[in-house]
PDB file of N, CA and C in Angstrom:
ATOM      1  N   MET A   1      32.348   7.753   2.336  1.00  0.00           N
ATOM      2  CA  MET A   1      31.887   7.501   1.365  1.00  0.00           C
ATOM      3  C   MET A   1      30.256   8.028   1.090  1.00  0.00           C
ATOM      4  N   LYS A   2      29.442   7.682   1.798  1.00  0.00           N
ATOM      5  CA  LYS A   2      27.824   8.363   2.083  1.00  0.00           C
ATOM      6  C   LYS A   2      27.738   9.921   1.745  1.00  0.00           C
ATOM      7  N   ARG A   3      28.833   9.987   2.616  1.00  0.00           N
ATOM      8  CA  ARG A   3      28.390  11.991   2.418  1.00  0.00           C
ATOM      9  C   ARG A   3      29.249  12.163   1.299  1.00  0.00           C
ATOM     10  N   ILE A   4      30.012  12.130   0.532  1.00  0.00           N
ATOM     11  CA  ILE A   4      30.437  12.278  -0.621  1.00  0.00           C
ATOM     12  C   ILE A   4      29.708  12.045  -1.894  1.00  0.00           C
ATOM     13  N   LEU A   5      28.438  10.844  -1.837  1.00  0.00           N
ATOM     14  CA  LEU A   5      27.573  10.367  -2.560  1.00  0.00           C
ATOM     15  C   LEU A   5      26.309  11.874  -2.689  1.00  0.00           C
ATOM     16  N   PHE A   6      26.195  11.972  -1.159  1.00  0.00           N
ATOM     17  CA  PHE A   6      25.028  12.993  -0.994  1.00  0.00           C
ATOM     18  C   PHE A   6      25.595  14.202  -1.319  1.00  0.00           C
ATOM     19  N   MET A   7      26.618  14.372  -1.303  1.00  0.00           N
ATOM     20  CA  MET A   7      27.502  15.822  -1.637  1.00  0.00           C
ATOM     21  C   MET A   7      27.042  15.736  -3.080  1.00  0.00           C
ATOM     22  N   ILE A   8      27.602  14.701  -3.992  1.00  0.00           N
ATOM     23  CA  ILE A   8      27.232  14.829  -5.469  1.00  0.00           C
ATOM     24  C   ILE A   8      26.051  15.198  -5.970  1.00  0.00           C
ATOM     25  N   MET A   9      24.973  14.580  -5.193  1.00  0.00           N
ATOM     26  CA  MET A   9      23.525  14.838  -5.644  1.00  0.00           C
ATOM     27  C   MET A   9      22.697  15.605  -5.764  1.00  0.00           C
ATOM     28  N   LEU A  10      23.552  16.549  -4.266  1.00  0.00           N
ATOM     29  CA  LEU A  10      23.333  17.785  -4.045  1.00  0.00           C
ATOM     30  C   LEU A  10      23.531  18.976  -4.949  1.00  0.00           C
ATOM     31  N   LEU A  11      24.847  18.676  -5.932  1.00  0.00           N
ATOM     32  CA  LEU A  11      25.514  19.511  -6.586  1.00  0.00           C
ATOM     33  C   LEU A  11      25.044  19.561  -7.751  1.00  0.00           C
ATOM     34  N   SER A  12      24.164  17.999  -7.988  1.00  0.00           N
ATOM     35  CA  SER A  12      24.107  18.387  -9.429  1.00  0.00           C
ATOM     36  C   SER A  12      22.531  19.239  -9.668  1.00  0.00           C
ATOM     37  N   VAL A  13      22.759  19.544 -11.081  1.00  0.00           N
ATOM     38  CA  VAL A  13      21.993  20.607 -12.078  1.00  0.00           C
ATOM     39  C   VAL A  13      20.789  20.530 -12.074  1.00  0.00           C
ATOM     40  N   SER A  14      20.702  19.427 -12.879  1.00  0.00           N
ATOM     41  CA  SER A  14      19.676  18.821 -13.399  1.00  0.00           C
ATOM     42  C   SER A  14      19.810  17.234 -14.206  1.00  0.00           C
ATOM     43  N   ALA A  15      18.678  17.112 -14.384  1.00  0.00           N
ATOM     44  CA  ALA A  15      18.806  15.277 -15.027  1.00  0.00           C
ATOM     45  C   ALA A  15      18.625  15.438 -16.205  1.00  0.00           C
ATOM     46  N   SER A  16      18.657  14.972 -17.211  1.00  0.00           N
ATOM     47  CA  SER A  16      18.572  14.709 -18.425  1.00  0.00           C
ATOM     48  C   SER A  16      17.954  13.359 -18.859  1.00  0.00           C
ATOM     49  N   ALA A  17      16.393  12.945 -18.162  1.00  0.00           N
ATOM     50  CA  ALA A  17      15.963  11.713 -18.297  1.00  0.00           C
ATOM     51  C   ALA A  17      14.908  11.640 -19.250  1.00  0.00           C
ATOM     52  N   TYR A  18      14.529  10.507 -19.604  1.00  0.00           N
ATOM     53  CA  TYR A  18      13.553  10.101 -20.760  1.00  0.00           C
ATOM     54  C   TYR A  18      12.951   8.959 -19.716  1.00  0.00           C
ATOM     55  N   ILE A  19      11.398   9.502 -19.794  1.00  0.00           N
ATOM     56  CA  ILE A  19      10.042   8.834 -19.184  1.00  0.00           C
ATOM     57  C   ILE A  19       9.344   8.225 -20.447  1.00  0.00           C
ATOM     58  N   ASP A  20       9.589   7.127 -20.760  1.00  0.00           N
ATOM     59  CA  ASP A  20       8.608   6.431 -22.071  1.00  0.00           C
ATOM     60  C   ASP A  20       7.106   6.678 -21.555  1.00  0.00           C
ATOM     61  N   PRO A  21       6.143   6.351 -22.267  1.00  0.00           N
ATOM     62  CA  PRO A  21       4.798   6.373 -22.342  1.00  0.00           C
ATOM     63  C   PRO A  21       4.325   4.925 -21.747  1.00  0.00           C
ATOM     64  N   GLY A  22       4.858   3.873 -21.519  1.00  0.00           N
ATOM     65  CA  GLY A  22       4.819   2.620 -20.791  1.00  0.00           C
ATOM     66  C   GLY A  22       5.040   3.100 -19.206  1.00  0.00           C
ATOM     67  N   THR A  23       5.672   4.361 -18.712  1.00  0.00           N
ATOM     68  CA  THR A  23       6.446   4.372 -17.429  1.00  0.00           C
ATOM     69  C   THR A  23       4.766   4.760 -16.800  1.00  0.00           C
ATOM     70  N   GLY A  24       4.089   5.623 -17.442  1.00  0.00           N
ATOM     71  CA  GLY A  24       2.894   6.134 -16.482  1.00  0.00           C
ATOM     72  C   GLY A  24       1.731   4.956 -16.391  1.00  0.00           C
ATOM     73  N   GLY A  25       2.154   3.824 -17.046  1.00  0.00           N
ATOM     74  CA  GLY A  25       0.608   2.683 -17.183  1.00  0.00           C
ATOM     75  C   GLY A  25       1.394   2.182 -16.073  1.00  0.00           C
ATOM     76  N   ALA A  26       3.123   1.824 -16.070  1.00  0.00           N
ATOM     77  CA  ALA A  26       3.612   1.199 -14.713  1.00  0.00           C
ATOM     78  C   ALA A  26       3.226   1.804 -13.388  1.00  0.00           C
ATOM     79  N   ILE A  27       3.171   2.955 -13.580  1.00  0.00           N
ATOM     80  CA  ILE A  27       2.671   3.869 -12.167  1.00  0.00           C
ATOM     81  C   ILE A  27       1.325   3.628 -11.971  1.00  0.00           C
ATOM     82  N   ILE A  28       0.628   3.731 -12.649  1.00  0.00           N
ATOM     83  CA  ILE A  28      -1.026   3.904 -12.494  1.00  0.00           C
ATOM     84  C   ILE A  28      -1.374   2.051 -11.990  1.00  0.00           C
ATOM     85  N   GLY A  29      -0.804   1.285 -12.955  1.00  0.00           N
ATOM     86  CA  GLY A  29      -0.618   0.060 -12.515  1.00  0.00           C
ATOM     87  C   GLY A  29      -0.124  -0.599 -11.051  1.00  0.00           C
ATOM     88  N   SER A  30       0.509  -0.160 -10.684  1.00  0.00           N
ATOM     89  CA  SER A  30       1.058  -0.088  -9.267  1.00  0.00           C
ATOM     90  C   SER A  30       0.431   0.436  -8.434  1.00  0.00           C
ATOM     91  N   GLY A  31      -0.090   1.470  -8.638  1.00  0.00           N
ATOM     92  CA  GLY A  31      -1.026   2.170  -7.874  1.00  0.00           C
ATOM     93  C   GLY A  31      -2.456   1.861  -7.620  1.00  0.00           C
ATOM     94  N   GLY A  32      -3.055   0.805  -8.405  1.00  0.00           N
ATOM     95  CA  GLY A  32      -4.113  -0.247  -8.420  1.00  0.00           C
ATOM     96  C   GLY A  32      -4.104  -0.973  -7.625  1.00  0.00           C
ATOM     97  N   GLY A  33      -2.576  -1.829  -7.643  1.00  0.00           N
ATOM     98  CA  GLY A  33      -1.981  -3.127  -7.050  1.00  0.00           C
ATOM     99  C   GLY A  33      -2.336  -2.314  -5.588  1.00  0.00           C
ATOM    100  N   MET A  34      -1.922  -1.666  -5.284  1.00  0.00           N
ATOM    101  CA  MET A  34      -1.586  -0.800  -3.601  1.00  0.00           C
ATOM    102  C   MET A  34      -2.766  -0.994  -3.299  1.00  0.00           C
ATOM    103  N   LEU A  35      -3.970  -0.095  -4.023  1.00  0.00           N
ATOM    104  CA  LEU A  35      -5.178   0.185  -3.608  1.00  0.00           C
ATOM    105  C   LEU A  35      -5.625  -1.199  -2.818  1.00  0.00           C
ATOM    106  N   ALA A  36      -5.749  -1.995  -4.104  1.00  0.00           N
ATOM    107  CA  ALA A  36      -6.311  -3.534  -3.785  1.00  0.00           C
ATOM    108  C   ALA A  36      -5.496  -3.953  -2.533  1.00  0.00           C
ATOM    109  N   ALA A  37      -4.783  -3.887  -2.411  1.00  0.00           N
ATOM    110  CA  ALA A  37      -4.138  -4.572  -1.014  1.00  0.00           C
ATOM    111  C   ALA A  37      -4.258  -3.900  -0.218  1.00  0.00           C
ATOM    112  N   LEU A  38      -4.588  -2.357  -0.178  1.00  0.00           N
ATOM    113  CA  LEU A  38      -5.113  -1.401   1.119  1.00  0.00           C
ATOM    114  C   LEU A  38      -6.587  -2.018   1.356  1.00  0.00           C
ATOM    115  N   ILE A  39      -7.574  -2.159   0.199  1.00  0.00           N
ATOM    116  CA  ILE A  39      -8.706  -2.638   0.383  1.00  0.00           C
ATOM    117  C   ILE A  39      -9.020  -4.125   1.149  1.00  0.00           C
ATOM    118  N   GLY A  40      -7.826  -4.956   0.874  1.00  0.00           N
ATOM    119  CA  GLY A  40      -8.036  -6.197   1.075  1.00  0.00           C
ATOM    120  C   GLY A  40      -7.489  -6.284   2.774  1.00  0.00           C
ATOM    121  N   LEU A  41      -6.530  -5.219   3.202  1.00  0.00           N
ATOM    122  CA  LEU A  41      -6.089  -5.238   4.280  1.00  0.00           C
ATOM    123  C   LEU A  41      -7.184  -4.699   5.589  1.00  0.00           C
ATOM    124  N   ALA A  42      -8.078  -3.898   4.855  1.00  0.00           N
ATOM    125  CA  ALA A  42      -9.217  -3.095   5.446  1.00  0.00           C
ATOM    126  C   ALA A  42     -10.085  -4.442   5.377  1.00  0.00           C
ATOM    127  N   GLY A  43     -10.682  -4.891   4.835  1.00  0.00           N
ATOM    128  CA  GLY A  43     -11.728  -6.272   4.807  1.00  0.00           C
ATOM    129  C   GLY A  43     -10.846  -7.310   5.490  1.00  0.00           C
ATOM    130  N   ALA A  44      -9.914  -7.741   5.751  1.00  0.00           N
ATOM    131  CA  ALA A  44      -9.108  -8.353   6.435  1.00  0.00           C
ATOM    132  C   ALA A  44      -9.550  -8.205   7.952  1.00  0.00           C
ATOM    133  N   LEU A  45      -9.276  -6.829   8.220  1.00  0.00           N
ATOM    134  CA  LEU A  45      -9.157  -6.433   9.590  1.00  0.00           C
ATOM    135  C   LEU A  45     -10.521  -6.170  10.680  1.00  0.00           C
ATOM    136  N   LEU A  46     -11.701  -6.086   9.308  1.00  0.00           N
ATOM    137  CA  LEU A  46     -12.822  -5.992   9.754  1.00  0.00           C
ATOM    138  C   LEU A  46     -13.311  -7.313  10.197  1.00  0.00           C
ATOM    139  N   LEU A  47     -13.171  -7.953   9.074  1.00  0.00           N
ATOM    140  CA  LEU A  47     -13.438  -9.495   9.232  1.00  0.00           C
ATOM    141  C   LEU A  47     -13.038 -10.005  10.978  1.00  0.00           C
ATOM    142  N   ARG A  48     -11.827  -9.741  11.006  1.00  0.00           N
ATOM    143  CA  ARG A  48     -11.335 -10.362  12.265  1.00  0.00           C
ATOM    144  C   ARG A  48     -11.820  -9.598  13.958  1.00  0.00           C
ATOM    145  N   TYR A  49     -11.631  -8.500  13.715  1.00  0.00           N
ATOM    146  CA  TYR A  49     -12.125  -7.701  14.736  1.00  0.00           C
ATOM    147  C   TYR A  49     -13.240  -7.214  14.833  1.00  0.00           C
ATOM    148  N   LEU A  50     -14.282  -7.020  13.798  1.00  0.00           N
ATOM    149  CA  LEU A  50     -15.962  -7.286  14.047  1.00  0.00           C
ATOM    150  C   LEU A  50     -16.716  -7.963  13.943  1.00  0.00           C
ATOM    151  N   ILE A  51     -16.569  -8.751  12.877  1.00  0.00           N
ATOM    152  CA  ILE A  51     -17.507  -9.791  12.601  1.00  0.00           C
ATOM    153  C   ILE A  51     -17.371 -10.817  13.341  1.00  0.00           C
ATOM    154  N   GLU A  52     -15.875 -11.602  13.628  1.00  0.00           N
ATOM    155  CA  GLU A  52     -16.186 -12.444  14.209  1.00  0.00           C
ATOM    156  C   GLU A  52     -16.307 -12.336  15.282  1.00  0.00           C
ATOM    157  N   PRO A  53     -16.195 -11.372  16.517  1.00  0.00           N
ATOM    158  CA  PRO A  53     -16.673 -11.365  18.017  1.00  0.00           C
ATOM    159  C   PRO A  53     -17.884 -11.407  17.866  1.00  0.00           C
ATOM    160  N   ALA A  54     -18.707 -11.168  16.622  1.00  0.00           N
ATOM    161  CA  ALA A  54     -20.287 -10.643  16.568  1.00  0.00           C
ATOM    162  C   ALA A  54     -20.770 -11.983  16.630  1.00  0.00           C
ATOM    163  N   LYS A  55     -20.065 -13.145  15.477  1.00  0.00           N
ATOM    164  CA  LYS A  55     -20.628 -13.686  15.126  1.00  0.00           C
ATOM    165  C   LYS A  55     -20.469 -14.687  16.793  1.00  0.00           C
ATOM    166  N   LYS A  56     -19.556 -14.711  17.107  1.00  0.00           N
ATOM    167  CA  LYS A  56     -19.564 -15.375  18.587  1.00  0.00           C
ATOM    168  C   LYS A  56     -20.635 -14.950  19.576  1.00  0.00           C
ATOM    169  N   LEU A  57     -20.577 -13.417  19.791  1.00  0.00           N
ATOM    170  CA  LEU A  57     -21.827 -13.114  20.803  1.00  0.00           C
ATOM    171  C   LEU A  57     -23.176 -13.733  20.273  1.00  0.00           C
ATOM    172  N   PHE A  58     -23.498 -13.868  18.665  1.00  0.00           N
ATOM    173  CA  PHE A  58     -24.640 -14.140  18.356  1.00  0.00           C
ATOM    174  C   PHE A  58     -25.094 -16.117  18.391  1.00  0.00           C
ATOM    175  N   ALA A  59     -23.795 -16.552  18.794  1.00  0.00           N
ATOM    176  CA  ALA A  59     -23.899 -18.259  19.127  1.00  0.00           C
ATOM    177  C   ALA A  59     -24.044 -18.023  20.270  1.00  0.00           C
ATOM    178  N   LYS A  60     -23.454 -17.469  21.075  1.00  0.00           N
ATOM    179  CA  LYS A  60     -23.996 -17.666  22.743  1.00  0.00           C
ATOM    180  C   LYS A  60     -25.481 -17.570  22.889  1.00  0.00           C
ATOM    181  N   LEU A  61     -25.864 -16.331  22.135  1.00  0.00           N
ATOM    182  CA  LEU A  61     -27.079 -15.907  22.791  1.00  0.00           C
ATOM    183  C   LEU A  61     -27.932 -16.751  22.022  1.00  0.00           C
ATOM    184  N   ARG A  62     -27.558 -17.473  20.908  1.00  0.00           N
ATOM    185  CA  ARG A  62     -28.524 -18.518  20.479  1.00  0.00           C
ATOM    186  C   ARG A  62     -28.683 -20.122  21.127  1.00  0.00           C
ATOM    187  N   LYS A  63     -27.593 -20.267  21.748  1.00  0.00           N
ATOM    188  CA  LYS A  63     -27.190 -21.569  22.771  1.00  0.00           C
ATOM    189  C   LYS A  63     -28.572 -21.383  23.856  1.00  0.00           C
ATOM    190  N   ARG A  64     -28.541 -20.105  24.545  1.00  0.00           N
ATOM    191  CA  ARG A  64     -29.662 -19.417  25.750  1.00  0.00           C
ATOM    192  C   ARG A  64     -31.165 -20.097  25.274  1.00  0.00           C
TER     193      ARG A  64
END
């Protein structure tokens, strides 16, 4: 069944579809959301792997 569907998709010549103006806004909006998520992920990883060990190191040095 999957092969038949794949062959039909390969044999189709063109698609007559209308993309309304709101679609561009949705694409840009979702791209902005994904960018914000990636920046948040980078910040979380930075906090986890760089700042926390540095805090622990400075805490140990302060106790001495």
